[in-house]
Amino acid sequence: MRSQMHTLTKHQQTELVSIINGDFGSHLEFDDFAEAVLGMFENIPGFETISQSKSTRIVKQLWRKYHG
């Protein structure tokens, strides 16, 4: 079960990107996008304690969805 901790389904990824688009628009720079995602992580149970390396990986995945 521990291997699934701090993971997001494709649907959850799409939802987070959609929320960011709705709240901030679609033209954020990477650093602003990352800050928005990390702020959202603080409100997702279990993600408030995510490691920096894991959060960086997830932010980059979400960035590709947001920017792509």
N, C-alpha and C. Protein backbone atom coordinates (compact mmCIF):
# COMPACT_ATOMS: atom_id res chain seq x y z
N MET A 1 0.82 -1.19 0.00
CA MET A 1 0.00 0.00 0.00
C MET A 1 0.87 1.26 0.00
N ARG A 2 2.00 1.24 0.63
CA ARG A 2 2.88 2.40 0.72
C ARG A 2 3.31 2.88 -0.66
N SER A 3 3.43 2.00 -1.65
CA SER A 3 3.87 2.40 -2.98
C SER A 3 2.83 3.29 -3.67
N GLN A 4 1.57 3.25 -3.24
CA GLN A 4 0.53 4.08 -3.83
C GLN A 4 0.41 5.43 -3.13
N MET A 5 1.11 5.61 -2.05
CA MET A 5 1.04 6.87 -1.34
C MET A 5 1.64 7.98 -2.20
N HIS A 6 1.01 9.13 -2.19
CA HIS A 6 1.47 10.29 -2.95
C HIS A 6 1.42 10.05 -4.45
N THR A 7 0.37 9.41 -4.91
CA THR A 7 0.17 9.25 -6.35
C THR A 7 -1.19 9.83 -6.71
N LEU A 8 -1.30 10.24 -7.95
CA LEU A 8 -2.55 10.78 -8.46
C LEU A 8 -2.96 9.99 -9.69
N THR A 9 -4.23 9.69 -9.80
CA THR A 9 -4.73 9.04 -11.01
C THR A 9 -4.70 10.07 -12.14
N LYS A 10 -4.84 9.61 -13.37
CA LYS A 10 -4.90 10.53 -14.50
C LYS A 10 -6.07 11.49 -14.35
N HIS A 11 -7.19 10.98 -13.85
CA HIS A 11 -8.36 11.84 -13.63
C HIS A 11 -8.04 12.92 -12.59
N GLN A 12 -7.40 12.55 -11.50
CA GLN A 12 -7.04 13.51 -10.47
C GLN A 12 -6.06 14.56 -11.01
N GLN A 13 -5.12 14.11 -11.83
CA GLN A 13 -4.17 15.05 -12.45
C GLN A 13 -4.92 16.05 -13.32
N THR A 14 -5.84 15.55 -14.13
CA THR A 14 -6.63 16.41 -15.01
C THR A 14 -7.45 17.40 -14.20
N GLU A 15 -8.04 16.93 -13.10
CA GLU A 15 -8.84 17.80 -12.24
C GLU A 15 -7.99 18.92 -11.62
N LEU A 16 -6.80 18.58 -11.13
CA LEU A 16 -5.93 19.59 -10.54
C LEU A 16 -5.53 20.64 -11.57
N VAL A 17 -5.17 20.20 -12.77
CA VAL A 17 -4.81 21.14 -13.82
C VAL A 17 -6.00 22.01 -14.19
N SER A 18 -7.17 21.43 -14.22
CA SER A 18 -8.38 22.18 -14.53
C SER A 18 -8.65 23.25 -13.46
N ILE A 19 -8.45 22.90 -12.21
CA ILE A 19 -8.64 23.86 -11.12
C ILE A 19 -7.64 25.01 -11.26
N ILE A 20 -6.39 24.69 -11.55
CA ILE A 20 -5.38 25.73 -11.71
C ILE A 20 -5.74 26.63 -12.89
N ASN A 21 -6.18 26.04 -14.00
CA ASN A 21 -6.61 26.84 -15.15
C ASN A 21 -7.74 27.77 -14.75
N GLY A 22 -8.69 27.27 -14.00
CA GLY A 22 -9.83 28.08 -13.59
C GLY A 22 -9.45 29.19 -12.62
N ASP A 23 -8.54 28.90 -11.71
CA ASP A 23 -8.16 29.87 -10.69
C ASP A 23 -7.10 30.87 -11.16
N PHE A 24 -6.18 30.42 -12.03
CA PHE A 24 -5.03 31.24 -12.38
C PHE A 24 -4.87 31.51 -13.87
N GLY A 25 -5.67 30.83 -14.69
CA GLY A 25 -5.53 30.98 -16.13
C GLY A 25 -4.53 29.97 -16.69
N SER A 26 -4.30 30.07 -17.98
CA SER A 26 -3.47 29.06 -18.65
C SER A 26 -2.09 29.58 -19.05
N HIS A 27 -1.67 30.70 -18.47
CA HIS A 27 -0.40 31.28 -18.89
C HIS A 27 0.60 31.46 -17.74
N LEU A 28 0.51 30.63 -16.73
CA LEU A 28 1.46 30.71 -15.62
C LEU A 28 2.85 30.29 -16.07
N GLU A 29 3.84 30.91 -15.48
CA GLU A 29 5.22 30.44 -15.63
C GLU A 29 5.38 29.22 -14.72
N PHE A 30 6.42 28.43 -14.97
CA PHE A 30 6.59 27.19 -14.22
C PHE A 30 6.62 27.41 -12.71
N ASP A 31 7.40 28.39 -12.25
CA ASP A 31 7.53 28.61 -10.81
C ASP A 31 6.18 28.96 -10.16
N ASP A 32 5.39 29.78 -10.83
CA ASP A 32 4.07 30.13 -10.30
C ASP A 32 3.13 28.92 -10.32
N PHE A 33 3.23 28.13 -11.38
CA PHE A 33 2.44 26.91 -11.47
C PHE A 33 2.81 25.96 -10.33
N ALA A 34 4.11 25.76 -10.13
CA ALA A 34 4.58 24.86 -9.07
C ALA A 34 4.09 25.33 -7.71
N GLU A 35 4.13 26.63 -7.46
CA GLU A 35 3.67 27.18 -6.20
C GLU A 35 2.17 26.91 -6.01
N ALA A 36 1.40 27.05 -7.07
CA ALA A 36 -0.04 26.78 -7.00
C ALA A 36 -0.29 25.31 -6.68
N VAL A 37 0.43 24.42 -7.34
CA VAL A 37 0.25 22.98 -7.10
C VAL A 37 0.63 22.63 -5.66
N LEU A 38 1.77 23.13 -5.21
CA LEU A 38 2.21 22.82 -3.86
C LEU A 38 1.23 23.36 -2.82
N GLY A 39 0.63 24.50 -3.11
CA GLY A 39 -0.40 25.03 -2.22
C GLY A 39 -1.61 24.11 -2.16
N MET A 40 -1.95 23.52 -3.31
CA MET A 40 -3.08 22.58 -3.34
C MET A 40 -2.75 21.31 -2.57
N PHE A 41 -1.48 20.88 -2.64
CA PHE A 41 -1.07 19.67 -1.93
C PHE A 41 -1.32 19.80 -0.44
N GLU A 42 -1.22 21.00 0.11
CA GLU A 42 -1.42 21.20 1.54
C GLU A 42 -2.85 20.87 1.96
N ASN A 43 -3.77 20.85 0.98
CA ASN A 43 -5.17 20.56 1.28
C ASN A 43 -5.60 19.15 0.86
N ILE A 44 -4.65 18.34 0.41
CA ILE A 44 -4.94 16.96 0.02
C ILE A 44 -4.37 16.04 1.10
N PRO A 45 -5.24 15.28 1.78
CA PRO A 45 -4.76 14.39 2.83
C PRO A 45 -3.61 13.50 2.35
N GLY A 46 -2.53 13.50 3.14
CA GLY A 46 -1.35 12.70 2.81
C GLY A 46 -0.32 13.47 2.01
N PHE A 47 -0.75 14.45 1.23
CA PHE A 47 0.19 15.19 0.39
C PHE A 47 0.85 16.35 1.14
N GLU A 48 0.35 16.69 2.31
CA GLU A 48 0.96 17.77 3.07
C GLU A 48 2.34 17.37 3.58
N THR A 49 2.66 16.10 3.55
CA THR A 49 3.97 15.63 4.02
C THR A 49 4.81 15.02 2.91
N ILE A 50 4.47 15.29 1.66
CA ILE A 50 5.15 14.70 0.53
C ILE A 50 6.61 15.19 0.47
N SER A 51 7.51 14.31 0.07
CA SER A 51 8.92 14.69 -0.03
C SER A 51 9.12 15.65 -1.20
N GLN A 52 10.19 16.40 -1.12
CA GLN A 52 10.46 17.38 -2.17
C GLN A 52 10.70 16.69 -3.52
N SER A 53 11.41 15.58 -3.53
CA SER A 53 11.68 14.90 -4.80
C SER A 53 10.39 14.36 -5.42
N LYS A 54 9.52 13.82 -4.60
CA LYS A 54 8.24 13.29 -5.10
C LYS A 54 7.35 14.43 -5.58
N SER A 55 7.30 15.51 -4.83
CA SER A 55 6.46 16.64 -5.25
C SER A 55 6.99 17.26 -6.54
N THR A 56 8.29 17.32 -6.70
CA THR A 56 8.88 17.85 -7.93
C THR A 56 8.49 16.99 -9.12
N ARG A 57 8.52 15.69 -8.95
CA ARG A 57 8.15 14.77 -10.03
C ARG A 57 6.69 14.98 -10.42
N ILE A 58 5.82 15.07 -9.43
CA ILE A 58 4.39 15.24 -9.72
C ILE A 58 4.13 16.61 -10.35
N VAL A 59 4.78 17.65 -9.84
CA VAL A 59 4.60 18.99 -10.42
C VAL A 59 5.00 18.97 -11.89
N LYS A 60 6.09 18.31 -12.22
CA LYS A 60 6.54 18.24 -13.61
C LYS A 60 5.53 17.48 -14.48
N GLN A 61 4.94 16.41 -13.93
CA GLN A 61 3.91 15.68 -14.67
C GLN A 61 2.71 16.59 -14.93
N LEU A 62 2.28 17.32 -13.91
CA LEU A 62 1.15 18.21 -14.05
C LEU A 62 1.46 19.36 -14.99
N TRP A 63 2.69 19.85 -14.96
CA TRP A 63 3.11 20.93 -15.85
C TRP A 63 2.97 20.51 -17.31
N ARG A 64 3.34 19.27 -17.60
CA ARG A 64 3.21 18.78 -19.00
C ARG A 64 1.74 18.78 -19.43
N LYS A 65 0.85 18.44 -18.51
CA LYS A 65 -0.59 18.48 -18.83
C LYS A 65 -1.06 19.93 -19.00
N TYR A 66 -0.59 20.79 -18.13
CA TYR A 66 -1.00 22.20 -18.14
C TYR A 66 -0.44 22.91 -19.37
N HIS A 67 0.80 22.67 -19.66
CA HIS A 67 1.49 23.40 -20.73
C HIS A 67 1.29 22.73 -22.09
N GLY A 68 0.93 21.47 -22.09
CA GLY A 68 0.79 20.71 -23.33
C GLY A 68 -0.52 20.92 -23.92
